[in-house]
Amino acid sequence: KKTKNGSTPSIKTQDQESVSAYRYNMNFKKVGKCIIINNKNFDQVTGMGTRTGTDKDAEALFKCFRSLGFEVTIYNDCSRSKMQNLLQQASEEDHSNSACFACILLSHGEENLIYGTDGLTPIKDLTACFRGDRCKTLLEKPKLFFIQACRGSELDDGIQADSGSVSDTDANPRHKIPVEADFLFAYSTVPGYYSWRNPGRGSWFVQALCSVLNEHGKHLEIMQLLTRVNNRVARDFESQSNDPHFHEKKQIPSVVSMLTKELYF
């Protein structure tokens, strides 16, 4: 509305400021680095079988994240120490010109653990080097981890549906950031459960993730994107097996977010 003297009050700058306060700044020279660890073959001593279909996942993710602007590198069949070293080195690089960081782990797993080719390692050990106190050039920037791996052996039978801030630090303008802030973990399944993979088409989670990112990755916020991934996995996928124990099973991914702002690629 115009004021009495006919001028229109300017509210644009205020809007822009409030948007930037709640949205990660992506205005950097680079979107950031994306590391894909693709573990397909495992040492006999682990008792783990070949993850047929994982190369489909890795290839689809490579194209998908590259189209979002990431600088993507795939590492195949990594041991526990190789995974640790790769992520340690990445955390020690200078990310000053990058908006964020992404890492995708494709492997066998158990609750809170993921397999290298030679055995299990805690996921926390792989991600901790990116904490705010250890990786200063990613401080206050999103650190995204996508994990396609089992988190147990439970199977989801599914169920038939009826139808298809007040701040208490104002006195001190210098603010501290929690070291665990600005992480996001997108797991293919919920704690305790099996994660499904199609030998011909790749895992359910990665198929849905790539499909949603390719379609909406440039205009929806990350939580909207991952909610759509949840929806797609929940509705569009169901196992088919000659073994009744593995027949007609369902899956739901799980998002754990410590992000402090909205993230738009």
Protein backbone atom coordinates (compact mmCIF):
# COMPACT_ATOMS: atom_id res chain seq x y z
CA LYS A 1 0.00 0.00 0.00
CA LYS A 2 1.13 3.54 -0.69
CA THR A 3 1.74 5.97 2.15
CA LYS A 4 0.01 9.36 2.36
CA ASN A 5 2.72 11.09 0.35
CA GLY A 6 2.32 8.49 -2.41
CA SER A 7 5.57 6.55 -1.88
CA THR A 8 5.66 2.78 -1.43
CA PRO A 9 7.43 1.69 1.77
CA SER A 10 10.44 -0.53 1.08
CA ILE A 11 10.27 -3.91 2.77
CA LYS A 12 12.49 -5.78 0.34
CA THR A 13 15.76 -5.43 2.24
CA GLN A 14 14.11 -6.62 5.44
CA ASP A 15 12.74 -9.68 3.60
CA GLN A 16 16.12 -10.41 2.08
CA GLU A 17 17.80 -10.16 5.46
CA SER A 18 15.29 -12.49 7.11
CA VAL A 19 15.72 -15.00 4.26
CA SER A 20 19.51 -14.97 4.54
CA ALA A 21 19.29 -15.43 8.31
CA TYR A 22 17.44 -18.73 7.79
CA ARG A 23 19.06 -19.95 4.58
CA TYR A 24 22.59 -21.27 4.01
CA ASN A 25 24.68 -18.99 1.84
CA MET A 26 25.41 -20.88 -1.40
CA ASN A 27 27.08 -17.90 -3.04
CA PHE A 28 30.57 -19.42 -3.19
CA LYS A 29 32.93 -20.13 -6.04
CA LYS A 30 32.14 -23.87 -5.75
CA VAL A 31 29.15 -25.87 -4.52
CA GLY A 32 31.62 -28.25 -2.91
CA LYS A 33 33.19 -31.66 -2.94
CA CYS A 34 31.20 -34.91 -3.05
CA ILE A 35 32.97 -38.16 -2.15
CA ILE A 36 31.30 -41.46 -3.09
CA ILE A 37 32.65 -44.59 -1.39
CA ASN A 38 31.34 -47.58 -3.34
CA ASN A 39 32.08 -50.89 -1.60
CA LYS A 40 31.07 -53.87 -3.73
CA ASN A 41 33.51 -56.71 -2.95
CA PHE A 42 34.46 -57.80 0.57
CA ASP A 43 37.21 -59.94 2.07
CA GLN A 44 36.11 -63.50 2.70
CA VAL A 45 36.80 -63.15 6.43
CA THR A 46 33.93 -60.61 6.72
CA GLY A 47 31.36 -63.15 5.52
CA MET A 48 29.78 -60.40 3.40
CA GLY A 49 28.58 -61.09 -0.15
CA THR A 50 29.13 -59.03 -3.30
CA ARG A 51 26.81 -55.99 -3.45
CA THR A 52 25.47 -56.50 -6.97
CA GLY A 53 23.80 -53.35 -8.31
CA THR A 54 25.93 -50.90 -6.29
CA ASP A 55 27.79 -49.74 -9.44
CA LYS A 56 24.40 -48.62 -10.81
CA ASP A 57 23.96 -46.58 -7.62
CA ALA A 58 27.43 -45.04 -7.84
CA GLU A 59 27.00 -44.11 -11.51
CA ALA A 60 23.55 -42.55 -10.96
CA LEU A 61 24.78 -40.60 -7.91
CA PHE A 62 27.86 -39.37 -9.78
CA LYS A 63 25.72 -37.87 -12.56
CA CYS A 64 23.12 -36.54 -10.15
CA PHE A 65 25.49 -34.70 -7.79
CA ARG A 66 27.62 -33.44 -10.67
CA SER A 67 24.49 -31.86 -12.19
CA LEU A 68 23.88 -30.11 -8.83
CA GLY A 69 27.34 -28.55 -9.23
CA PHE A 70 29.41 -30.79 -6.94
CA GLU A 71 32.92 -31.92 -7.78
CA VAL A 72 32.37 -35.69 -7.50
CA THR A 73 34.92 -38.49 -7.00
CA ILE A 74 34.14 -42.21 -6.68
CA TYR A 75 36.37 -44.53 -4.64
CA ASN A 76 35.72 -48.26 -5.10
CA ASP A 77 36.25 -51.09 -2.59
CA CYS A 78 37.80 -49.19 0.31
CA SER A 79 39.16 -50.82 3.45
CA ARG A 80 38.35 -49.34 6.86
CA SER A 81 41.62 -47.42 6.99
CA LYS A 82 41.22 -46.21 3.38
CA MET A 83 37.75 -44.80 4.20
CA GLN A 84 39.11 -43.14 7.33
CA ASN A 85 42.10 -41.66 5.48
CA LEU A 86 39.99 -40.39 2.58
CA LEU A 87 37.63 -38.50 4.86
CA GLN A 88 40.41 -37.29 7.16
CA GLN A 89 42.25 -35.85 4.12
CA ALA A 90 39.04 -34.27 2.81
CA SER A 91 38.42 -32.62 6.18
CA GLU A 92 41.94 -31.15 6.18
CA GLU A 93 41.49 -29.53 2.75
CA ASP A 94 40.61 -25.86 2.42
CA HIS A 95 36.84 -25.53 1.83
CA SER A 96 36.83 -21.72 2.07
CA ASN A 97 35.57 -21.37 -1.52
CA SER A 98 32.93 -24.11 -1.13
CA ALA A 99 29.32 -23.79 0.02
CA CYS A 100 29.05 -27.29 1.50
CA PHE A 101 30.40 -30.86 1.55
CA ALA A 102 28.76 -34.18 0.69
CA CYS A 103 29.76 -37.80 1.26
CA ILE A 104 27.91 -40.90 0.10
CA LEU A 105 28.61 -44.31 1.63
CA LEU A 106 27.47 -47.42 -0.28
CA SER A 107 28.21 -50.61 1.62
CA HIS A 108 26.99 -53.33 3.96
CA GLY A 109 26.30 -52.14 7.49
CA GLU A 110 24.85 -52.64 10.93
CA GLU A 111 23.41 -50.17 13.41
CA ASN A 112 25.87 -47.21 13.67
CA LEU A 113 28.49 -49.24 11.75
CA ILE A 114 29.52 -49.54 8.11
CA TYR A 115 31.68 -52.11 6.35
CA GLY A 116 35.01 -51.44 4.75
CA THR A 117 36.17 -54.29 2.52
CA ASP A 118 37.95 -55.77 5.57
CA GLY A 119 35.35 -55.28 8.32
CA LEU A 120 33.15 -52.92 10.32
CA THR A 121 33.95 -49.36 11.39
CA PRO A 122 31.80 -46.85 13.35
CA ILE A 123 30.14 -44.27 11.08
CA LYS A 124 30.91 -41.67 13.76
CA ASP A 125 34.65 -42.25 13.27
CA LEU A 126 34.28 -41.35 9.59
CA THR A 127 32.23 -38.20 10.11
CA ALA A 128 33.77 -36.76 13.30
CA CYS A 129 36.69 -35.14 11.46
CA PHE A 130 34.20 -32.65 9.92
CA ARG A 131 33.05 -31.32 13.31
CA GLY A 132 33.15 -27.56 13.68
CA ASP A 133 36.21 -27.67 15.94
CA ARG A 134 38.16 -29.94 13.55
CA CYS A 135 37.26 -28.61 10.10
CA LYS A 136 37.20 -24.83 10.40
CA THR A 137 36.66 -24.09 6.69
CA LEU A 138 33.30 -25.92 6.79
CA LEU A 139 32.16 -24.21 10.01
CA GLU A 140 28.52 -23.07 9.67
CA LYS A 141 28.30 -24.85 6.29
CA PRO A 142 26.19 -27.95 5.58
CA LYS A 143 27.95 -31.32 5.81
CA LEU A 144 25.76 -33.95 4.14
CA PHE A 145 26.12 -37.72 4.53
CA PHE A 146 23.99 -40.14 2.51
CA ILE A 147 24.26 -43.74 3.73
CA GLN A 148 23.01 -46.71 1.73
CA ALA A 149 23.58 -49.67 4.05
CA CYS A 150 21.66 -52.07 6.27
CA ARG A 151 21.22 -50.97 9.90
CA GLY A 152 20.22 -54.42 11.14
CA SER A 153 18.31 -57.45 9.87
CA GLU A 154 14.70 -56.59 10.78
CA LEU A 155 12.23 -56.68 7.88
CA ASP A 156 9.26 -54.31 7.49
CA ASP A 157 6.08 -56.23 6.59
CA GLY A 158 4.17 -53.04 5.87
CA ILE A 159 0.50 -52.55 6.73
CA GLN A 160 -2.46 -52.25 4.38
CA ALA A 161 -3.70 -48.64 4.22
CA ASP A 162 -7.34 -47.72 3.61
CA SER A 163 -6.49 -45.53 0.63
CA GLY A 164 -3.85 -45.14 -1.67
CA SER A 165 13.76 -17.71 19.08
CA VAL A 166 14.15 -16.09 22.07
CA SER A 167 17.95 -15.57 22.41
CA ASP A 168 19.63 -15.76 25.78
CA THR A 169 22.99 -14.73 24.32
CA ASP A 170 22.01 -11.20 23.27
CA ALA A 171 24.29 -9.76 25.92
CA ASN A 172 27.24 -11.39 24.18
CA PRO A 173 27.43 -10.72 20.42
CA ARG A 174 30.31 -13.21 20.00
CA HIS A 175 28.58 -16.54 19.57
CA LYS A 176 29.77 -20.10 19.75
CA ILE A 177 28.61 -22.83 17.36
CA PRO A 178 27.94 -26.39 18.60
CA VAL A 179 30.63 -28.64 17.11
CA GLU A 180 27.96 -31.14 15.98
CA ALA A 181 25.87 -28.49 14.20
CA ASP A 182 25.22 -28.33 10.43
CA PHE A 183 25.39 -32.08 9.78
CA LEU A 184 22.70 -34.02 7.93
CA PHE A 185 22.55 -37.82 7.80
CA ALA A 186 20.20 -39.36 5.24
CA TYR A 187 20.00 -43.10 5.93
CA SER A 188 18.45 -45.55 3.49
CA THR A 189 16.49 -47.21 6.30
CA VAL A 190 15.57 -46.80 9.97
CA PRO A 191 17.67 -48.19 12.86
CA GLY A 192 17.63 -51.98 13.13
CA TYR A 193 16.32 -52.63 9.63
CA TYR A 194 17.45 -54.27 6.41
CA SER A 195 18.04 -52.01 3.38
CA TRP A 196 16.89 -53.29 -0.01
CA ARG A 197 18.92 -53.31 -3.23
CA ASN A 198 17.85 -54.49 -6.67
CA PRO A 199 20.76 -56.26 -8.47
CA GLY A 200 19.65 -54.85 -11.82
CA ARG A 201 18.50 -51.34 -10.91
CA GLY A 202 20.37 -50.47 -7.73
CA SER A 203 19.12 -49.79 -4.21
CA TRP A 204 15.62 -48.46 -3.57
CA PHE A 205 16.91 -45.45 -1.63
CA VAL A 206 19.42 -44.35 -4.27
CA GLN A 207 16.92 -44.84 -7.11
CA ALA A 208 14.44 -42.60 -5.27
CA LEU A 209 17.09 -40.07 -4.18
CA CYS A 210 18.47 -39.59 -7.70
CA SER A 211 15.00 -39.41 -9.21
CA VAL A 212 13.88 -36.68 -6.75
CA LEU A 213 17.15 -34.71 -7.02
CA ASN A 214 17.12 -34.83 -10.82
CA GLU A 215 13.51 -33.61 -10.85
CA HIS A 216 13.44 -31.06 -8.03
CA GLY A 217 17.04 -30.68 -6.78
CA LYS A 218 17.47 -27.11 -7.97
CA HIS A 219 14.30 -25.61 -6.48
CA LEU A 220 13.16 -27.49 -3.34
CA GLU A 221 14.72 -27.26 0.14
CA ILE A 222 16.73 -30.32 1.27
CA MET A 223 14.16 -31.49 3.84
CA GLN A 224 11.40 -31.22 1.22
CA LEU A 225 13.56 -33.24 -1.17
CA LEU A 226 14.27 -35.96 1.40
CA THR A 227 10.63 -36.10 2.49
CA ARG A 228 9.75 -36.82 -1.15
CA VAL A 229 12.45 -39.52 -1.19
CA ASN A 230 10.82 -41.06 1.91
CA ASN A 231 7.45 -40.97 0.17
CA ARG A 232 8.79 -42.58 -2.99
CA VAL A 233 10.58 -45.41 -1.19
CA ALA A 234 7.56 -46.03 1.06
CA ARG A 235 5.00 -46.13 -1.76
CA ASP A 236 6.77 -47.24 -4.94
CA PHE A 237 8.90 -50.14 -3.73
CA GLU A 238 8.08 -53.61 -2.39
CA SER A 239 10.26 -56.71 -2.40
CA GLN A 240 9.46 -59.70 -4.60
CA SER A 241 11.01 -63.00 -3.55
CA ASN A 242 10.38 -66.72 -3.88
CA ASP A 243 11.34 -66.95 -0.20
CA PRO A 244 8.19 -65.97 1.80
CA HIS A 245 10.45 -64.55 4.53
CA PHE A 246 11.69 -61.88 2.07
CA HIS A 247 8.49 -61.43 0.02
CA GLU A 248 6.42 -58.22 -0.08
CA LYS A 249 8.60 -56.29 2.37
CA LYS A 250 8.71 -52.49 2.65
CA GLN A 251 11.30 -49.87 3.61
CA ILE A 252 11.36 -46.30 4.93
CA PRO A 253 14.48 -44.09 4.88
CA SER A 254 15.44 -41.95 7.86
CA VAL A 255 16.73 -38.37 7.98
CA VAL A 256 18.67 -37.08 10.98
CA SER A 257 19.25 -33.35 10.68
CA MET A 258 21.42 -31.02 12.70
CA LEU A 259 21.16 -28.36 9.99
CA THR A 260 20.58 -24.85 11.37
CA LYS A 261 19.26 -23.23 8.18
CA GLU A 262 17.35 -24.09 5.03
CA LEU A 263 19.46 -25.54 2.24
CA TYR A 264 18.73 -24.88 -1.43
CA PHE A 265 21.12 -26.16 -4.09
